[in-house]
PDB file of N, CA and C in Angstrom:
ATOM      1  N   UNK A   1      11.915 -22.743  -6.709  1.00  0.00           N
ATOM      2  CA  UNK A   1      12.431 -21.407  -6.829  1.00  0.00           C
ATOM      3  C   UNK A   1      12.765 -20.769  -5.484  1.00  0.00           C
ATOM      4  N   UNK A   2      11.995 -20.995  -4.388  1.00  0.00           N
ATOM      5  CA  UNK A   2      12.336 -20.368  -3.123  1.00  0.00           C
ATOM      6  C   UNK A   2      13.686 -20.877  -2.608  1.00  0.00           C
ATOM      7  N   UNK A   3      14.408 -20.013  -1.902  1.00  0.00           N
ATOM      8  CA  UNK A   3      15.690 -20.355  -1.322  1.00  0.00           C
ATOM      9  C   UNK A   3      15.441 -20.981   0.045  1.00  0.00           C
ATOM     10  N   UNK A   4      16.539 -21.358   0.746  1.00  0.00           N
ATOM     11  CA  UNK A   4      16.403 -21.909   2.088  1.00  0.00           C
ATOM     12  C   UNK A   4      15.636 -20.945   2.991  1.00  0.00           C
ATOM     13  N   UNK A   5      15.953 -19.659   2.877  1.00  0.00           N
ATOM     14  CA  UNK A   5      15.213 -18.639   3.605  1.00  0.00           C
ATOM     15  C   UNK A   5      14.624 -17.693   2.579  1.00  0.00           C
ATOM     16  N   UNK A   6      13.319 -17.818   2.315  1.00  0.00           N
ATOM     17  CA  UNK A   6      12.705 -17.009   1.256  1.00  0.00           C
ATOM     18  C   UNK A   6      12.916 -15.515   1.431  1.00  0.00           C
ATOM     19  N   UNK A   7      13.085 -15.053   2.659  1.00  0.00           N
ATOM     20  CA  UNK A   7      13.261 -13.631   2.892  1.00  0.00           C
ATOM     21  C   UNK A   7      14.476 -13.057   2.186  1.00  0.00           C
ATOM     22  N   UNK A   8      15.551 -13.856   2.082  1.00  0.00           N
ATOM     23  CA  UNK A   8      16.742 -13.372   1.384  1.00  0.00           C
ATOM     24  C   UNK A   8      16.430 -13.156  -0.086  1.00  0.00           C
ATOM     25  N   UNK A   9      15.710 -14.076  -0.664  1.00  0.00           N
ATOM     26  CA  UNK A   9      15.338 -14.003  -2.079  1.00  0.00           C
ATOM     27  C   UNK A   9      14.402 -12.819  -2.302  1.00  0.00           C
ATOM     28  N   UNK A  10      13.417 -12.721  -1.461  1.00  0.00           N
ATOM     29  CA  UNK A  10      12.440 -11.641  -1.548  1.00  0.00           C
ATOM     30  C   UNK A  10      13.142 -10.300  -1.347  1.00  0.00           C
ATOM     31  N   UNK A  11      14.046 -10.249  -0.397  1.00  0.00           N
ATOM     32  CA  UNK A  11      14.731  -9.009  -0.075  1.00  0.00           C
ATOM     33  C   UNK A  11      15.514  -8.416  -1.233  1.00  0.00           C
ATOM     34  N   UNK A  12      16.081  -9.255  -2.075  1.00  0.00           N
ATOM     35  CA  UNK A  12      16.843  -8.763  -3.229  1.00  0.00           C
ATOM     36  C   UNK A  12      15.972  -7.866  -4.093  1.00  0.00           C
ATOM     37  N   UNK A  13      14.788  -8.316  -4.371  1.00  0.00           N
ATOM     38  CA  UNK A  13      13.926  -7.633  -5.324  1.00  0.00           C
ATOM     39  C   UNK A  13      13.122  -6.512  -4.693  1.00  0.00           C
ATOM     40  N   UNK A  14      12.757  -6.659  -3.441  1.00  0.00           N
ATOM     41  CA  UNK A  14      12.061  -5.566  -2.770  1.00  0.00           C
ATOM     42  C   UNK A  14      13.004  -4.399  -2.537  1.00  0.00           C
ATOM     43  N   UNK A  15      14.272  -4.688  -2.263  1.00  0.00           N
ATOM     44  CA  UNK A  15      15.256  -3.623  -2.084  1.00  0.00           C
ATOM     45  C   UNK A  15      15.360  -2.761  -3.327  1.00  0.00           C
ATOM     46  N   UNK A  16      15.286  -3.393  -4.469  1.00  0.00           N
ATOM     47  CA  UNK A  16      15.343  -2.664  -5.734  1.00  0.00           C
ATOM     48  C   UNK A  16      14.124  -1.768  -5.885  1.00  0.00           C
ATOM     49  N   UNK A  17      12.952  -2.290  -5.595  1.00  0.00           N
ATOM     50  CA  UNK A  17      11.727  -1.504  -5.727  1.00  0.00           C
ATOM     51  C   UNK A  17      11.742  -0.316  -4.780  1.00  0.00           C
ATOM     52  N   UNK A  18      12.180  -0.541  -3.548  1.00  0.00           N
ATOM     53  CA  UNK A  18      12.234   0.551  -2.582  1.00  0.00           C
ATOM     54  C   UNK A  18      13.247   1.599  -3.004  1.00  0.00           C
ATOM     55  N   UNK A  19      14.351   1.171  -3.594  1.00  0.00           N
ATOM     56  CA  UNK A  19      15.345   2.119  -4.084  1.00  0.00           C
ATOM     57  C   UNK A  19      14.749   3.049  -5.115  1.00  0.00           C
ATOM     58  N   UNK A  20      13.923   2.502  -5.989  1.00  0.00           N
ATOM     59  CA  UNK A  20      13.271   3.330  -6.996  1.00  0.00           C
ATOM     60  C   UNK A  20      12.299   4.291  -6.317  1.00  0.00           C
ATOM     61  N   UNK A  21      11.545   3.793  -5.329  1.00  0.00           N
ATOM     62  CA  UNK A  21      10.547   4.618  -4.654  1.00  0.00           C
ATOM     63  C   UNK A  21      11.212   5.801  -3.948  1.00  0.00           C
ATOM     64  N   UNK A  22      12.342   5.527  -3.304  1.00  0.00           N
ATOM     65  CA  UNK A  22      13.022   6.566  -2.546  1.00  0.00           C
ATOM     66  C   UNK A  22      13.976   7.393  -3.410  1.00  0.00           C
ATOM     67  N   UNK A  23      14.008   7.113  -4.718  1.00  0.00           N
ATOM     68  CA  UNK A  23      14.827   7.891  -5.630  1.00  0.00           C
ATOM     69  C   UNK A  23      16.310   7.613  -5.515  1.00  0.00           C
ATOM     70  N   UNK A  24      16.657   6.419  -5.040  1.00  0.00           N
ATOM     71  CA  UNK A  24      18.064   6.044  -4.911  1.00  0.00           C
ATOM     72  C   UNK A  24      18.447   5.147  -6.073  1.00  0.00           C
ATOM     73  N   UNK A  25      19.749   4.953  -6.228  1.00  0.00           N
ATOM     74  CA  UNK A  25      20.195   4.008  -7.233  1.00  0.00           C
ATOM     75  C   UNK A  25      19.672   2.638  -6.839  1.00  0.00           C
ATOM     76  N   UNK A  26      19.015   1.939  -7.744  1.00  0.00           N
ATOM     77  CA  UNK A  26      18.463   0.642  -7.397  1.00  0.00           C
ATOM     78  C   UNK A  26      19.551  -0.403  -7.193  1.00  0.00           C
ATOM     79  N   UNK A  27      19.236  -1.366  -6.374  1.00  0.00           N
ATOM     80  CA  UNK A  27      20.106  -2.522  -6.201  1.00  0.00           C
ATOM     81  C   UNK A  27      19.745  -3.472  -7.321  1.00  0.00           C
ATOM     82  N   UNK A  28      20.699  -3.828  -8.111  1.00  0.00           N
ATOM     83  CA  UNK A  28      20.404  -4.676  -9.260  1.00  0.00           C
ATOM     84  C   UNK A  28      20.359  -6.137  -8.856  1.00  0.00           C
ATOM     85  N   UNK A  29      19.554  -6.887  -9.572  1.00  0.00           N
ATOM     86  CA  UNK A  29      19.431  -8.320  -9.336  1.00  0.00           C
ATOM     87  C   UNK A  29      20.771  -8.987  -9.610  1.00  0.00           C
ATOM     88  N   UNK A  30      21.011 -10.145  -9.000  1.00  0.00           N
ATOM     89  CA  UNK A  30      22.272 -10.843  -9.208  1.00  0.00           C
ATOM     90  C   UNK A  30      22.495 -11.148 -10.690  1.00  0.00           C
ATOM     91  N   UNK A  31      23.745 -11.136 -11.085  1.00  0.00           N
ATOM     92  CA  UNK A  31      24.156 -11.479 -12.453  1.00  0.00           C
ATOM     93  C   UNK A  31      23.618 -10.509 -13.497  1.00  0.00           C
ATOM     94  N   UNK A  32      23.333  -9.286 -13.094  1.00  0.00           N
ATOM     95  CA  UNK A  32      22.871  -8.265 -14.031  1.00  0.00           C
ATOM     96  C   UNK A  32      23.909  -7.159 -14.036  1.00  0.00           C
ATOM     97  N   UNK A  33      24.252  -6.686 -15.221  1.00  0.00           N
ATOM     98  CA  UNK A  33      25.256  -5.624 -15.344  1.00  0.00           C
ATOM     99  C   UNK A  33      24.825  -4.397 -14.552  1.00  0.00           C
ATOM    100  N   UNK A  34      25.778  -3.717 -13.886  1.00  0.00           N
ATOM    101  CA  UNK A  34      25.432  -2.547 -13.070  1.00  0.00           C
ATOM    102  C   UNK A  34      24.746  -1.432 -13.850  1.00  0.00           C
ATOM    103  N   UNK A  35      24.998  -1.340 -15.159  1.00  0.00           N
ATOM    104  CA  UNK A  35      24.373  -0.270 -15.940  1.00  0.00           C
ATOM    105  C   UNK A  35      23.057  -0.704 -16.576  1.00  0.00           C
ATOM    106  N   UNK A  36      22.594  -1.919 -16.239  1.00  0.00           N
ATOM    107  CA  UNK A  36      21.316  -2.408 -16.768  1.00  0.00           C
ATOM    108  C   UNK A  36      20.179  -1.618 -16.129  1.00  0.00           C
ATOM    109  N   UNK A  37      19.087  -1.422 -16.851  1.00  0.00           N
ATOM    110  CA  UNK A  37      17.955  -0.692 -16.256  1.00  0.00           C
ATOM    111  C   UNK A  37      17.357  -1.493 -15.098  1.00  0.00           C
ATOM    112  N   UNK A  38      16.831  -0.802 -14.098  1.00  0.00           N
ATOM    113  CA  UNK A  38      16.230  -1.502 -12.961  1.00  0.00           C
ATOM    114  C   UNK A  38      14.997  -2.289 -13.393  1.00  0.00           C
ATOM    115  N   UNK A  39      14.707  -3.321 -12.642  1.00  0.00           N
ATOM    116  CA  UNK A  39      13.529  -4.128 -12.925  1.00  0.00           C
ATOM    117  C   UNK A  39      12.264  -3.370 -12.541  1.00  0.00           C
ATOM    118  N   UNK A  40      11.202  -3.596 -13.289  1.00  0.00           N
ATOM    119  CA  UNK A  40       9.909  -2.993 -12.976  1.00  0.00           C
ATOM    120  C   UNK A  40       9.162  -3.925 -12.035  1.00  0.00           C
ATOM    121  N   UNK A  41       8.153  -3.426 -11.317  1.00  0.00           N
ATOM    122  CA  UNK A  41       7.359  -4.322 -10.463  1.00  0.00           C
ATOM    123  C   UNK A  41       6.785  -5.504 -11.246  1.00  0.00           C
ATOM    124  N   UNK A  42       6.411  -5.270 -12.498  1.00  0.00           N
ATOM    125  CA  UNK A  42       5.872  -6.346 -13.332  1.00  0.00           C
ATOM    126  C   UNK A  42       6.911  -7.455 -13.523  1.00  0.00           C
ATOM    127  N   UNK A  43       8.174  -7.090 -13.555  1.00  0.00           N
ATOM    128  CA  UNK A  43       9.247  -8.075 -13.699  1.00  0.00           C
ATOM    129  C   UNK A  43       9.626  -8.706 -12.362  1.00  0.00           C
ATOM    130  N   UNK A  44       9.431  -7.980 -11.275  1.00  0.00           N
ATOM    131  CA  UNK A  44       9.812  -8.476  -9.954  1.00  0.00           C
ATOM    132  C   UNK A  44       8.823  -9.508  -9.428  1.00  0.00           C
ATOM    133  N   UNK A  45       7.537  -9.266  -9.599  1.00  0.00           N
ATOM    134  CA  UNK A  45       6.514 -10.140  -9.013  1.00  0.00           C
ATOM    135  C   UNK A  45       6.695 -11.603  -9.419  1.00  0.00           C
ATOM    136  N   UNK A  46       6.939 -11.928 -10.686  1.00  0.00           N
ATOM    137  CA  UNK A  46       7.139 -13.347 -11.019  1.00  0.00           C
ATOM    138  C   UNK A  46       8.302 -13.981 -10.254  1.00  0.00           C
ATOM    139  N   UNK A  47       9.309 -13.203  -9.895  1.00  0.00           N
ATOM    140  CA  UNK A  47      10.436 -13.732  -9.132  1.00  0.00           C
ATOM    141  C   UNK A  47      10.051 -14.043  -7.690  1.00  0.00           C
ATOM    142  N   UNK A  48       8.976 -13.439  -7.218  1.00  0.00           N
ATOM    143  CA  UNK A  48       8.535 -13.647  -5.842  1.00  0.00           C
ATOM    144  C   UNK A  48       7.617 -14.851  -5.703  1.00  0.00           C
ATOM    145  N   UNK A  49       7.127 -15.350  -6.814  1.00  0.00           N
ATOM    146  CA  UNK A  49       6.234 -16.502  -6.773  1.00  0.00           C
ATOM    147  C   UNK A  49       6.981 -17.670  -6.156  1.00  0.00           C
ATOM    148  N   UNK A  50       6.359 -18.286  -5.193  1.00  0.00           N
ATOM    149  CA  UNK A  50       6.990 -19.364  -4.455  1.00  0.00           C
ATOM    150  C   UNK A  50       7.362 -18.921  -3.047  1.00  0.00           C
ATOM    151  N   UNK A  51       7.381 -17.603  -2.822  1.00  0.00           N
ATOM    152  CA  UNK A  51       7.612 -17.064  -1.485  1.00  0.00           C
ATOM    153  C   UNK A  51       6.246 -16.816  -0.848  1.00  0.00           C
ATOM    154  N   UNK A  52       6.200 -16.898   0.456  1.00  0.00           N
ATOM    155  CA  UNK A  52       4.930 -16.654   1.124  1.00  0.00           C
ATOM    156  C   UNK A  52       4.659 -15.153   1.208  1.00  0.00           C
ATOM    157  N   UNK A  53       3.392 -14.805   1.319  1.00  0.00           N
ATOM    158  CA  UNK A  53       3.019 -13.403   1.492  1.00  0.00           C
ATOM    159  C   UNK A  53       3.631 -12.886   2.793  1.00  0.00           C
ATOM    160  N   UNK A  54       3.680 -13.748   3.793  1.00  0.00           N
ATOM    161  CA  UNK A  54       4.266 -13.357   5.080  1.00  0.00           C
ATOM    162  C   UNK A  54       5.741 -12.971   4.919  1.00  0.00           C
ATOM    163  N   UNK A  55       6.503 -13.750   4.155  1.00  0.00           N
ATOM    164  CA  UNK A  55       7.921 -13.447   3.936  1.00  0.00           C
ATOM    165  C   UNK A  55       8.084 -12.150   3.152  1.00  0.00           C
ATOM    166  N   UNK A  56       7.238 -11.953   2.167  1.00  0.00           N
ATOM    167  CA  UNK A  56       7.306 -10.735   1.354  1.00  0.00           C
ATOM    168  C   UNK A  56       6.958  -9.521   2.215  1.00  0.00           C
ATOM    169  N   UNK A  57       5.890  -9.643   3.009  1.00  0.00           N
ATOM    170  CA  UNK A  57       5.486  -8.535   3.877  1.00  0.00           C
ATOM    171  C   UNK A  57       6.581  -8.199   4.876  1.00  0.00           C
ATOM    172  N   UNK A  58       7.174  -9.231   5.454  1.00  0.00           N
ATOM    173  CA  UNK A  58       8.234  -9.030   6.445  1.00  0.00           C
ATOM    174  C   UNK A  58       9.396  -8.245   5.838  1.00  0.00           C
ATOM    175  N   UNK A  59       9.846  -8.649   4.684  1.00  0.00           N
ATOM    176  CA  UNK A  59      10.951  -7.957   4.031  1.00  0.00           C
ATOM    177  C   UNK A  59      10.575  -6.523   3.661  1.00  0.00           C
ATOM    178  N   UNK A  60       9.356  -6.342   3.198  1.00  0.00           N
ATOM    179  CA  UNK A  60       8.904  -4.997   2.829  1.00  0.00           C
ATOM    180  C   UNK A  60       8.886  -4.083   4.049  1.00  0.00           C
ATOM    181  N   UNK A  61       8.371  -4.576   5.155  1.00  0.00           N
ATOM    182  CA  UNK A  61       8.323  -3.782   6.391  1.00  0.00           C
ATOM    183  C   UNK A  61       9.738  -3.479   6.873  1.00  0.00           C
ATOM    184  N   UNK A  62      10.598  -4.498   6.944  1.00  0.00           N
ATOM    185  CA  UNK A  62      11.946  -4.302   7.466  1.00  0.00           C
ATOM    186  C   UNK A  62      12.786  -3.389   6.573  1.00  0.00           C
ATOM    187  N   UNK A  63      12.671  -3.565   5.270  1.00  0.00           N
ATOM    188  CA  UNK A  63      13.452  -2.717   4.367  1.00  0.00           C
ATOM    189  C   UNK A  63      12.923  -1.283   4.341  1.00  0.00           C
ATOM    190  N   UNK A  64      11.624  -1.125   4.470  1.00  0.00           N
ATOM    191  CA  UNK A  64      11.067   0.230   4.535  1.00  0.00           C
ATOM    192  C   UNK A  64      11.535   0.913   5.817  1.00  0.00           C
ATOM    193  N   UNK A  65      11.528   0.177   6.910  1.00  0.00           N
ATOM    194  CA  UNK A  65      12.033   0.717   8.180  1.00  0.00           C
ATOM    195  C   UNK A  65      13.494   1.140   8.039  1.00  0.00           C
ATOM    196  N   UNK A  66      14.290   0.303   7.387  1.00  0.00           N
ATOM    197  CA  UNK A  66      15.698   0.628   7.196  1.00  0.00           C
ATOM    198  C   UNK A  66      15.856   1.895   6.361  1.00  0.00           C
ATOM    199  N   UNK A  67      15.074   2.008   5.291  1.00  0.00           N
ATOM    200  CA  UNK A  67      15.158   3.200   4.428  1.00  0.00           C
ATOM    201  C   UNK A  67      14.683   4.458   5.142  1.00  0.00           C
ATOM    202  N   UNK A  68      13.833   4.268   6.166  1.00  0.00           N
ATOM    203  CA  UNK A  68      13.328   5.400   6.940  1.00  0.00           C
ATOM    204  C   UNK A  68      14.167   5.621   8.197  1.00  0.00           C
ATOM    205  N   UNK A  69      15.369   5.048   8.223  1.00  0.00           N
ATOM    206  CA  UNK A  69      16.288   5.181   9.362  1.00  0.00           C
ATOM    207  C   UNK A  69      15.635   4.776  10.678  1.00  0.00           C
ATOM    208  N   UNK A  70      14.803   3.738  10.622  1.00  0.00           N
ATOM    209  CA  UNK A  70      14.171   3.226  11.830  1.00  0.00           C
ATOM    210  C   UNK A  70      12.967   4.017  12.305  1.00  0.00           C
ATOM    211  N   UNK A  71      12.579   5.057  11.568  1.00  0.00           N
ATOM    212  CA  UNK A  71      11.436   5.878  11.977  1.00  0.00           C
ATOM    213  C   UNK A  71      10.147   5.105  11.682  1.00  0.00           C
ATOM    214  N   UNK A  72       9.561   4.563  12.724  1.00  0.00           N
ATOM    215  CA  UNK A  72       8.398   3.679  12.585  1.00  0.00           C
ATOM    216  C   UNK A  72       7.169   4.415  12.077  1.00  0.00           C
ATOM    217  N   UNK A  73       6.986   5.650  12.504  1.00  0.00           N
ATOM    218  CA  UNK A  73       5.828   6.425  12.060  1.00  0.00           C
ATOM    219  C   UNK A  73       5.910   6.685  10.566  1.00  0.00           C
ATOM    220  N   UNK A  74       7.084   7.099  10.101  1.00  0.00           N
ATOM    221  CA  UNK A  74       7.267   7.383   8.676  1.00  0.00           C
ATOM    222  C   UNK A  74       7.106   6.096   7.857  1.00  0.00           C
ATOM    223  N   UNK A  75       7.713   4.995   8.315  1.00  0.00           N
ATOM    224  CA  UNK A  75       7.598   3.720   7.603  1.00  0.00           C
ATOM    225  C   UNK A  75       6.139   3.254   7.552  1.00  0.00           C
ATOM    226  N   UNK A  76       5.430   3.379   8.662  1.00  0.00           N
ATOM    227  CA  UNK A  76       4.018   2.978   8.701  1.00  0.00           C
ATOM    228  C   UNK A  76       3.207   3.795   7.706  1.00  0.00           C
ATOM    229  N   UNK A  77       3.469   5.096   7.677  1.00  0.00           N
ATOM    230  CA  UNK A  77       2.752   5.981   6.757  1.00  0.00           C
ATOM    231  C   UNK A  77       3.011   5.588   5.304  1.00  0.00           C
ATOM    232  N   UNK A  78       4.278   5.304   4.972  1.00  0.00           N
ATOM    233  CA  UNK A  78       4.620   4.909   3.604  1.00  0.00           C
ATOM    234  C   UNK A  78       3.929   3.605   3.191  1.00  0.00           C
ATOM    235  N   UNK A  79       3.795   2.692   4.146  1.00  0.00           N
ATOM    236  CA  UNK A  79       3.196   1.391   3.846  1.00  0.00           C
ATOM    237  C   UNK A  79       1.679   1.381   3.997  1.00  0.00           C
ATOM    238  N   UNK A  80       1.117   2.485   4.479  1.00  0.00           N
ATOM    239  CA  UNK A  80      -0.333   2.534   4.659  1.00  0.00           C
ATOM    240  C   UNK A  80      -0.798   1.737   5.865  1.00  0.00           C
ATOM    241  N   UNK A  81       0.063   1.637   6.872  1.00  0.00           N
ATOM    242  CA  UNK A  81      -0.267   0.907   8.101  1.00  0.00           C
ATOM    243  C   UNK A  81      -0.471   1.895   9.237  1.00  0.00           C
ATOM    244  N   UNK A  82      -1.223   1.475  10.238  1.00  0.00           N
ATOM    245  CA  UNK A  82      -1.309   2.292  11.444  1.00  0.00           C
ATOM    246  C   UNK A  82      -0.010   2.099  12.223  1.00  0.00           C
ATOM    247  N   UNK A  83       0.315   3.067  13.056  1.00  0.00           N
ATOM    248  CA  UNK A  83       1.519   2.963  13.874  1.00  0.00           C
ATOM    249  C   UNK A  83       1.399   1.763  14.805  1.00  0.00           C
ATOM    250  N   UNK A  84       0.211   1.488  15.299  1.00  0.00           N
ATOM    251  CA  UNK A  84      -0.003   0.332  16.179  1.00  0.00           C
ATOM    252  C   UNK A  84       0.287  -0.971  15.433  1.00  0.00           C
ATOM    253  N   UNK A  85      -0.194  -1.084  14.199  1.00  0.00           N
ATOM    254  CA  UNK A  85       0.067  -2.290  13.401  1.00  0.00           C
ATOM    255  C   UNK A  85       1.569  -2.433  13.156  1.00  0.00           C
ATOM    256  N   UNK A  86       2.232  -1.334  12.840  1.00  0.00           N
ATOM    257  CA  UNK A  86       3.681  -1.364  12.617  1.00  0.00           C
ATOM    258  C   UNK A  86       4.391  -1.831  13.884  1.00  0.00           C
ATOM    259  N   UNK A  87       4.002  -1.276  15.017  1.00  0.00           N
ATOM    260  CA  UNK A  87       4.609  -1.665  16.296  1.00  0.00           C
ATOM    261  C   UNK A  87       4.422  -3.165  16.555  1.00  0.00           C
ATOM    262  N   UNK A  88       3.225  -3.667  16.289  1.00  0.00           N
ATOM    263  CA  UNK A  88       2.958  -5.091  16.509  1.00  0.00           C
ATOM    264  C   UNK A  88       3.781  -5.973  15.566  1.00  0.00           C
ATOM    265  N   UNK A  89       3.921  -5.563  14.329  1.00  0.00           N
ATOM    266  CA  UNK A  89       4.718  -6.331  13.374  1.00  0.00           C
ATOM    267  C   UNK A  89       6.196  -6.337  13.786  1.00  0.00           C
ATOM    268  N   UNK A  90       6.694  -5.191  14.209  1.00  0.00           N
ATOM    269  CA  UNK A  90       8.089  -5.103  14.642  1.00  0.00           C
ATOM    270  C   UNK A  90       8.326  -6.007  15.844  1.00  0.00           C
ATOM    271  N   UNK A  91       7.400  -5.990  16.780  1.00  0.00           N
ATOM    272  CA  UNK A  91       7.519  -6.851  17.966  1.00  0.00           C
ATOM    273  C   UNK A  91       7.533  -8.322  17.553  1.00  0.00           C
ATOM    274  N   UNK A  92       6.658  -8.689  16.634  1.00  0.00           N
ATOM    275  CA  UNK A  92       6.592 -10.066  16.140  1.00  0.00           C
ATOM    276  C   UNK A  92       7.903 -10.458  15.454  1.00  0.00           C
ATOM    277  N   UNK A  93       8.423  -9.573  14.603  1.00  0.00           N
ATOM    278  CA  UNK A  93       9.660  -9.877  13.873  1.00  0.00           C
ATOM    279  C   UNK A  93      10.845  -9.966  14.828  1.00  0.00           C
ATOM    280  N   UNK A  94      10.919  -9.061  15.797  1.00  0.00           N
ATOM    281  CA  UNK A  94      12.020  -9.077  16.763  1.00  0.00           C
ATOM    282  C   UNK A  94      11.987 -10.348  17.594  1.00  0.00           C
ATOM    283  N   UNK A  95      10.791 -10.772  17.981  1.00  0.00           N
ATOM    284  CA  UNK A  95      10.639 -11.995  18.769  1.00  0.00           C
ATOM    285  C   UNK A  95      11.112 -13.217  17.997  1.00  0.00           C
ATOM    286  N   UNK A  96      10.923 -13.178  16.676  1.00  0.00           N
ATOM    287  CA  UNK A  96      11.335 -14.331  15.859  1.00  0.00           C
ATOM    288  C   UNK A  96      12.808 -14.234  15.440  1.00  0.00           C
ATOM    289  N   UNK A  97      13.522 -13.218  15.942  1.00  0.00           N
ATOM    290  CA  UNK A  97      14.956 -13.122  15.705  1.00  0.00           C
ATOM    291  C   UNK A  97      15.391 -12.226  14.564  1.00  0.00           C
ATOM    292  N   UNK A  98      14.472 -11.464  13.980  1.00  0.00           N
ATOM    293  CA  UNK A  98      14.836 -10.568  12.889  1.00  0.00           C
ATOM    294  C   UNK A  98      15.627  -9.375  13.428  1.00  0.00           C
ATOM    295  N   UNK A  99      16.515  -8.867  12.600  1.00  0.00           N
ATOM    296  CA  UNK A  99      17.282  -7.678  12.945  1.00  0.00           C
ATOM    297  C   UNK A  99      16.437  -6.468  12.530  1.00  0.00           C
ATOM    298  N   UNK A 100      15.771  -5.863  13.496  1.00  0.00           N
ATOM    299  CA  UNK A 100      14.877  -4.743  13.232  1.00  0.00           C
ATOM    300  C   UNK A 100      15.653  -3.440  13.349  1.00  0.00           C
ATOM    301  N   UNK A 101      15.664  -2.621  12.288  1.00  0.00           N
ATOM    302  CA  UNK A 101      16.385  -1.351  12.336  1.00  0.00           C
ATOM    303  C   UNK A 101      15.846  -0.444  13.445  1.00  0.00           C
ATOM    304  N   UNK A 102      16.766   0.143  14.193  1.00  0.00           N
ATOM    305  CA  UNK A 102      16.339   1.063  15.242  1.00  0.00           C
ATOM    306  C   UNK A 102      16.437   2.493  14.738  1.00  0.00           C
ATOM    307  N   UNK A 103      15.705   3.357  15.394  1.00  0.00           N
ATOM    308  CA  UNK A 103      15.663   4.776  14.992  1.00  0.00           C
ATOM    309  C   UNK A 103      17.027   5.413  15.234  1.00  0.00           C
ATOM    310  N   UNK A 104      17.543   6.069  14.190  1.00  0.00           N
ATOM    311  CA  UNK A 104      18.876   6.681  14.346  1.00  0.00           C
ATOM    312  C   UNK A 104      18.791   8.158  14.601  1.00  0.00           C
TER     313      UNK A 104
END
């Protein structure tokens, strides 16, 4: 079930969940009609099986940062992380070549 890069697979479904959290129109899963109801977390989790917790966490952090316009303090607060932990994760992701959203 995992793709060549699990983060892409994970990102599809986490983006939808974050859209619901932030009150935006959800991003629908591939091959689903645009007017279909969004997936619930109960429906999303089985799709993530086969991805590592690290890949899921990475996508959650990066997508939350993007939704917070790069505001690390706000993203950390939403995720229940300390600002220091968020900073360390961002540094780790940037070092590994991830495109980390910057504060706008």
